[in-house]
Amino acid sequence: MEFDQYSSNEFECVSKSELEMYLEENKLPRVEVFDVLGYWRTSQGRYPLLSKMARDILTIPLSTVASESAFSVGGRVLDAFRSSLKLDIVEGVIYLRDWLFGQALMPSQINLDEVCGDVMNM
């Protein structure tokens, strides 16, 4: 009976999570070129879950776009068909788009067929 109490109290084992073990590990020396994916590939035996998470997150392609091009209407106006149009026709398409989206500000309705015909005849 005494032994049972001793063994149950003495050997309680608290397991640490992978994250806790990783955070307690010594830091690697700072180098100019560090292969982060290579580090997690070699560490997958010690940290299987963290290495999978790192692989999923670190392999997401990054894209940096200037705000002007991200919010520009140029890409939405010029598609494969319209890229072969002359400059004055492209300008007409842009003006037409502005007119159509600004129609709430205009007192009368615009006849779309008539305006499109005028633009295409430029």
C-alpha atoms as a PDB file:
ATOM      1  CA  MET A   1       0.000   0.000   0.000  1.00  0.00           C
ATOM      2  CA  GLU A   2       2.773   2.400   0.856  1.00  0.00           C
ATOM      3  CA  PHE A   3       4.621   1.437  -2.318  1.00  0.00           C
ATOM      4  CA  ASP A   4       1.547   2.152  -4.435  1.00  0.00           C
ATOM      5  CA  GLN A   5       1.272   5.674  -3.042  1.00  0.00           C
ATOM      6  CA  TYR A   6       4.996   6.250  -3.557  1.00  0.00           C
ATOM      7  CA  SER A   7       5.007   5.034  -7.127  1.00  0.00           C
ATOM      8  CA  SER A   8       1.919   7.022  -8.125  1.00  0.00           C
ATOM      9  CA  ASN A   9       3.206  10.288  -6.612  1.00  0.00           C
ATOM     10  CA  GLU A  10       6.891  10.007  -7.464  1.00  0.00           C
ATOM     11  CA  PHE A  11       6.775   9.200 -11.151  1.00  0.00           C
ATOM     12  CA  GLU A  12       4.220  11.597 -12.548  1.00  0.00           C
ATOM     13  CA  CYS A  13       5.557  12.474 -15.938  1.00  0.00           C
ATOM     14  CA  VAL A  14       4.675  15.747 -17.585  1.00  0.00           C
ATOM     15  CA  SER A  15       5.278  15.610 -21.297  1.00  0.00           C
ATOM     16  CA  LYS A  16       6.189  18.776 -23.150  1.00  0.00           C
ATOM     17  CA  SER A  17       4.752  19.788 -26.462  1.00  0.00           C
ATOM     18  CA  GLU A  18       6.904  20.008 -29.572  1.00  0.00           C
ATOM     19  CA  LEU A  19       6.682  23.775 -29.400  1.00  0.00           C
ATOM     20  CA  GLU A  20       7.924  23.877 -25.804  1.00  0.00           C
ATOM     21  CA  MET A  21      10.821  21.572 -26.668  1.00  0.00           C
ATOM     22  CA  TYR A  22      11.698  23.677 -29.729  1.00  0.00           C
ATOM     23  CA  LEU A  23      11.613  26.923 -27.747  1.00  0.00           C
ATOM     24  CA  GLU A  24      13.883  25.449 -25.040  1.00  0.00           C
ATOM     25  CA  GLU A  25      16.458  24.367 -27.627  1.00  0.00           C
ATOM     26  CA  ASN A  26      19.664  26.403 -27.982  1.00  0.00           C
ATOM     27  CA  LYS A  27      19.587  28.993 -30.736  1.00  0.00           C
ATOM     28  CA  LEU A  28      21.568  28.316 -33.882  1.00  0.00           C
ATOM     29  CA  PRO A  29      24.447  30.661 -34.705  1.00  0.00           C
ATOM     30  CA  ARG A  30      23.525  33.538 -36.994  1.00  0.00           C
ATOM     31  CA  VAL A  31      24.718  33.063 -40.578  1.00  0.00           C
ATOM     32  CA  GLU A  32      24.211  35.098 -43.753  1.00  0.00           C
ATOM     33  CA  VAL A  33      22.541  32.318 -45.730  1.00  0.00           C
ATOM     34  CA  PHE A  34      20.198  30.035 -43.814  1.00  0.00           C
ATOM     35  CA  ASP A  35      18.059  27.360 -45.447  1.00  0.00           C
ATOM     36  CA  VAL A  36      14.917  27.457 -43.312  1.00  0.00           C
ATOM     37  CA  LEU A  37      13.184  24.663 -45.222  1.00  0.00           C
ATOM     38  CA  GLY A  38      16.342  22.558 -44.993  1.00  0.00           C
ATOM     39  CA  TYR A  39      16.432  23.075 -41.223  1.00  0.00           C
ATOM     40  CA  TRP A  40      12.854  21.870 -40.823  1.00  0.00           C
ATOM     41  CA  ARG A  41      13.482  18.962 -43.203  1.00  0.00           C
ATOM     42  CA  THR A  42      16.334  17.731 -40.988  1.00  0.00           C
ATOM     43  CA  SER A  43      14.347  18.434 -37.798  1.00  0.00           C
ATOM     44  CA  GLN A  44      11.244  16.478 -38.784  1.00  0.00           C
ATOM     45  CA  GLY A  45      12.361  13.515 -36.656  1.00  0.00           C
ATOM     46  CA  ARG A  46      12.377  15.646 -33.486  1.00  0.00           C
ATOM     47  CA  TYR A  47       9.464  17.901 -34.383  1.00  0.00           C
ATOM     48  CA  PRO A  48       7.146  16.093 -36.823  1.00  0.00           C
ATOM     49  CA  LEU A  49       4.157  18.389 -36.345  1.00  0.00           C
ATOM     50  CA  LEU A  50       6.132  21.640 -36.322  1.00  0.00           C
ATOM     51  CA  SER A  51       8.081  20.615 -39.416  1.00  0.00           C
ATOM     52  CA  LYS A  52       4.843  19.935 -41.308  1.00  0.00           C
ATOM     53  CA  MET A  53       3.467  23.305 -40.237  1.00  0.00           C
ATOM     54  CA  ALA A  54       6.699  25.040 -41.272  1.00  0.00           C
ATOM     55  CA  ARG A  55       6.638  23.297 -44.653  1.00  0.00           C
ATOM     56  CA  ASP A  56       3.025  24.347 -45.250  1.00  0.00           C
ATOM     57  CA  ILE A  57       3.567  27.960 -44.213  1.00  0.00           C
ATOM     58  CA  LEU A  58       7.037  28.598 -45.621  1.00  0.00           C
ATOM     59  CA  THR A  59       6.220  27.260 -49.087  1.00  0.00           C
ATOM     60  CA  ILE A  60       3.413  29.760 -49.691  1.00  0.00           C
ATOM     61  CA  PRO A  61       4.542  31.920 -52.614  1.00  0.00           C
ATOM     62  CA  LEU A  62       4.907  35.585 -51.794  1.00  0.00           C
ATOM     63  CA  SER A  63       3.847  38.351 -54.103  1.00  0.00           C
ATOM     64  CA  THR A  64       4.774  41.979 -53.776  1.00  0.00           C
ATOM     65  CA  VAL A  65       2.802  44.325 -55.966  1.00  0.00           C
ATOM     66  CA  ALA A  66       2.892  48.094 -55.948  1.00  0.00           C
ATOM     67  CA  SER A  67      -0.383  49.552 -54.748  1.00  0.00           C
ATOM     68  CA  GLU A  68      -0.836  51.457 -58.022  1.00  0.00           C
ATOM     69  CA  SER A  69      -0.881  48.268 -60.058  1.00  0.00           C
ATOM     70  CA  ALA A  70      -2.972  46.363 -57.516  1.00  0.00           C
ATOM     71  CA  PHE A  71      -5.778  48.906 -57.753  1.00  0.00           C
ATOM     72  CA  SER A  72      -5.322  49.838 -61.417  1.00  0.00           C
ATOM     73  CA  VAL A  73      -8.111  49.260 -63.906  1.00  0.00           C
ATOM     74  CA  GLY A  74      -5.609  48.705 -66.732  1.00  0.00           C
ATOM     75  CA  GLY A  75      -5.451  44.951 -66.293  1.00  0.00           C
ATOM     76  CA  ARG A  76      -9.212  44.681 -66.163  1.00  0.00           C
ATOM     77  CA  VAL A  77      -9.658  46.768 -69.308  1.00  0.00           C
ATOM     78  CA  LEU A  78      -6.978  45.130 -71.459  1.00  0.00           C
ATOM     79  CA  ASP A  79      -7.597  41.429 -71.911  1.00  0.00           C
ATOM     80  CA  ALA A  80      -6.269  39.140 -74.657  1.00  0.00           C
ATOM     81  CA  PHE A  81      -8.749  40.544 -77.216  1.00  0.00           C
ATOM     82  CA  ARG A  82      -8.484  44.197 -76.291  1.00  0.00           C
ATOM     83  CA  SER A  83      -4.683  44.254 -76.119  1.00  0.00           C
ATOM     84  CA  SER A  84      -4.633  44.341 -79.928  1.00  0.00           C
ATOM     85  CA  LEU A  85      -6.852  47.442 -80.111  1.00  0.00           C
ATOM     86  CA  LYS A  86      -5.561  50.893 -80.994  1.00  0.00           C
ATOM     87  CA  LEU A  87      -4.884  53.412 -78.240  1.00  0.00           C
ATOM     88  CA  ASP A  88      -7.923  55.577 -78.998  1.00  0.00           C
ATOM     89  CA  ILE A  89     -10.252  52.563 -78.787  1.00  0.00           C
ATOM     90  CA  VAL A  90      -8.759  51.522 -75.430  1.00  0.00           C
ATOM     91  CA  GLU A  91      -9.254  55.070 -74.170  1.00  0.00           C
ATOM     92  CA  GLY A  92     -12.849  54.904 -75.368  1.00  0.00           C
ATOM     93  CA  VAL A  93     -13.404  51.655 -73.460  1.00  0.00           C
ATOM     94  CA  ILE A  94     -12.004  53.236 -70.295  1.00  0.00           C
ATOM     95  CA  TYR A  95     -14.219  56.304 -70.723  1.00  0.00           C
ATOM     96  CA  LEU A  96     -17.222  54.084 -71.402  1.00  0.00           C
ATOM     97  CA  ARG A  97     -16.554  52.173 -68.185  1.00  0.00           C
ATOM     98  CA  ASP A  98     -16.353  55.430 -66.241  1.00  0.00           C
ATOM     99  CA  TRP A  99     -19.578  56.646 -67.808  1.00  0.00           C
ATOM    100  CA  LEU A 100     -21.424  53.421 -67.040  1.00  0.00           C
ATOM    101  CA  PHE A 101     -20.284  53.275 -63.407  1.00  0.00           C
ATOM    102  CA  GLY A 102     -21.011  56.966 -62.949  1.00  0.00           C
ATOM    103  CA  GLN A 103     -24.504  56.764 -64.411  1.00  0.00           C
ATOM    104  CA  ALA A 104     -26.150  57.410 -61.024  1.00  0.00           C
ATOM    105  CA  LEU A 105     -24.631  60.888 -61.171  1.00  0.00           C
ATOM    106  CA  MET A 106     -25.961  61.535 -64.669  1.00  0.00           C
ATOM    107  CA  PRO A 107     -29.482  62.891 -65.221  1.00  0.00           C
ATOM    108  CA  SER A 108     -30.372  60.693 -68.220  1.00  0.00           C
ATOM    109  CA  GLN A 109     -29.909  57.017 -69.100  1.00  0.00           C
ATOM    110  CA  ILE A 110     -27.170  55.990 -71.530  1.00  0.00           C
ATOM    111  CA  ASN A 111     -28.025  53.803 -74.495  1.00  0.00           C
ATOM    112  CA  LEU A 112     -25.295  51.148 -74.210  1.00  0.00           C
ATOM    113  CA  ASP A 113     -25.660  49.894 -77.794  1.00  0.00           C
ATOM    114  CA  GLU A 114     -25.338  53.386 -79.189  1.00  0.00           C
ATOM    115  CA  VAL A 115     -22.234  54.226 -77.133  1.00  0.00           C
ATOM    116  CA  CYS A 116     -20.557  50.871 -77.883  1.00  0.00           C
ATOM    117  CA  GLY A 117     -21.214  51.382 -81.577  1.00  0.00           C
ATOM    118  CA  ASP A 118     -19.634  54.845 -81.414  1.00  0.00           C
ATOM    119  CA  VAL A 119     -16.543  53.473 -79.637  1.00  0.00           C
ATOM    120  CA  MET A 120     -16.089  50.568 -82.037  1.00  0.00           C
ATOM    121  CA  ASN A 121     -16.366  52.928 -85.039  1.00  0.00           C
ATOM    122  CA  MET A 122     -13.409  55.039 -83.883  1.00  0.00           C
END
